[in-house]
Amino acid sequence: MPSKFLDEARDPLIIAEGWMKDGKDVAIATVVETWGSAPRPVGSHLVIDAEGTFHGSVSGGCVEGAVISEALDVIGSGQPKMLEFGVADETAWQVGLSCGGRIRVYVERLG
């Protein structure tokens, strides 16, 4: 397989587009700001469907569970959310950001 095909097969935006074509409700989470030792760069994406299926990453696994939960709320309500995770936040240790980084993630429904 050509590498371009493999890249497209793993691209969360292309995955989300396919899910939407299949009639699924989809949200996208995007890293919009980082401070300190953040695991993923600004612009990283995680896509989530209404059943909780997901693809991509916003934190290398640190906060994906919390982001998926919030994304399911966004899919239901249609209201976007700005999430922030960091060591100053008590939830940082619970979600795995004990390394000293902070991230801000914008979650919105697509379509």
Protein backbone atom coordinates (compact mmCIF):
# COMPACT_ATOMS: atom_id res chain seq x y z
CA MET A 1 0.00 0.00 0.00
CA PRO A 2 1.28 3.49 -0.75
CA SER A 3 2.16 5.50 2.35
CA LYS A 4 -0.31 8.24 1.36
CA PHE A 5 -3.13 5.72 1.67
CA LEU A 6 -1.90 4.66 5.10
CA ASP A 7 -1.69 8.29 6.22
CA GLU A 8 -5.24 8.94 5.01
CA ALA A 9 -6.48 5.75 6.67
CA ARG A 10 -5.18 7.02 10.03
CA ASP A 11 -6.22 10.69 9.65
CA PRO A 12 -8.91 11.45 12.26
CA LEU A 13 -10.56 14.02 9.97
CA ILE A 14 -10.96 11.47 7.19
CA ILE A 15 -12.27 8.92 9.71
CA ALA A 16 -14.83 11.50 10.95
CA GLU A 17 -15.91 12.26 7.40
CA GLY A 18 -16.52 8.54 6.78
CA TRP A 19 -18.52 8.20 10.00
CA MET A 20 -20.67 11.18 9.02
CA LYS A 21 -21.29 9.70 5.56
CA ASP A 22 -22.48 6.57 7.40
CA GLY A 23 -25.03 8.72 9.26
CA LYS A 24 -23.25 8.79 12.61
CA ASP A 25 -23.25 11.77 14.96
CA VAL A 26 -19.64 12.89 15.45
CA ALA A 27 -17.67 15.29 17.64
CA ILE A 28 -14.09 16.45 17.18
CA ALA A 29 -11.70 17.43 19.95
CA THR A 30 -8.77 19.65 18.97
CA VAL A 31 -5.75 20.66 21.06
CA VAL A 32 -5.85 24.47 20.84
CA GLU A 33 -3.19 25.42 23.40
CA THR A 34 -0.42 23.74 25.39
CA TRP A 35 1.92 24.78 28.21
CA GLY A 36 4.95 22.98 29.57
CA SER A 37 5.39 19.29 28.88
CA ALA A 38 2.29 18.57 26.80
CA PRO A 39 2.12 15.10 25.23
CA ARG A 40 0.57 16.16 21.89
CA PRO A 41 1.03 19.35 19.84
CA VAL A 42 -1.52 22.05 19.08
CA GLY A 43 -3.72 20.88 16.20
CA SER A 44 -3.90 17.24 17.32
CA HIS A 45 -7.36 15.71 16.86
CA LEU A 46 -9.53 13.08 18.49
CA VAL A 47 -12.83 12.18 16.79
CA ILE A 48 -15.67 10.51 18.68
CA ASP A 49 -19.01 9.08 17.55
CA ALA A 50 -22.21 8.85 19.59
CA GLU A 51 -21.42 5.26 20.62
CA GLY A 52 -18.07 6.31 22.10
CA THR A 53 -15.96 4.94 19.28
CA PHE A 54 -12.90 7.15 18.89
CA HIS A 55 -9.86 7.66 16.69
CA GLY A 56 -6.82 9.90 17.10
CA SER A 57 -5.31 11.46 20.21
CA VAL A 58 -5.18 14.76 22.06
CA SER A 59 -2.85 13.65 24.85
CA GLY A 60 -1.19 10.35 24.06
CA GLY A 61 -3.74 8.59 26.28
CA CYS A 62 -3.52 10.91 29.31
CA VAL A 63 -6.96 12.58 29.11
CA GLU A 64 -8.74 10.75 26.31
CA GLY A 65 -11.30 9.15 28.67
CA ALA A 66 -12.37 12.53 30.06
CA VAL A 67 -12.45 14.11 26.58
CA ILE A 68 -14.56 11.25 25.18
CA SER A 69 -17.05 11.63 28.03
CA GLU A 70 -17.33 15.38 27.40
CA ALA A 71 -17.60 14.78 23.63
CA LEU A 72 -20.61 12.50 24.17
CA ASP A 73 -22.28 15.38 26.05
CA VAL A 74 -21.41 17.74 23.16
CA ILE A 75 -22.90 15.32 20.62
CA GLY A 76 -26.11 15.20 22.68
CA SER A 77 -26.42 18.92 23.36
CA GLY A 78 -24.82 20.41 20.24
CA GLN A 79 -23.05 22.91 22.53
CA PRO A 80 -19.25 23.08 22.14
CA LYS A 81 -16.98 22.98 25.19
CA MET A 82 -13.50 24.23 26.02
CA LEU A 83 -11.69 21.79 28.32
CA GLU A 84 -8.48 22.40 30.21
CA PHE A 85 -6.31 19.81 31.92
CA GLY A 86 -3.16 20.51 33.89
CA VAL A 87 -1.19 19.88 37.05
CA ALA A 88 -2.79 22.83 38.82
CA ASP A 89 -6.08 21.02 38.39
CA GLU A 90 -6.79 18.18 40.83
CA THR A 91 -8.05 16.09 37.91
CA ALA A 92 -4.61 16.24 36.27
CA TRP A 93 -3.35 13.39 38.43
CA GLN A 94 -6.54 11.41 37.88
CA VAL A 95 -6.32 11.71 34.10
CA GLY A 96 -2.56 11.25 33.81
CA LEU A 97 -1.05 14.73 33.34
CA SER A 98 1.30 14.45 36.29
CA CYS A 99 4.26 15.24 33.98
CA GLY A 100 3.83 18.99 34.42
CA GLY A 101 2.05 19.89 31.20
CA ARG A 102 -1.28 21.55 30.59
CA ILE A 103 -3.50 21.35 27.54
CA ARG A 104 -6.63 23.14 26.36
CA VAL A 105 -8.96 21.11 24.13
CA TYR A 106 -11.92 22.46 22.14
CA VAL A 107 -14.72 19.92 21.59
CA GLU A 108 -17.44 20.52 19.00
CA ARG A 109 -20.09 18.55 17.17
CA LEU A 110 -19.58 18.13 13.44
CA GLY A 111 -22.35 18.47 10.89
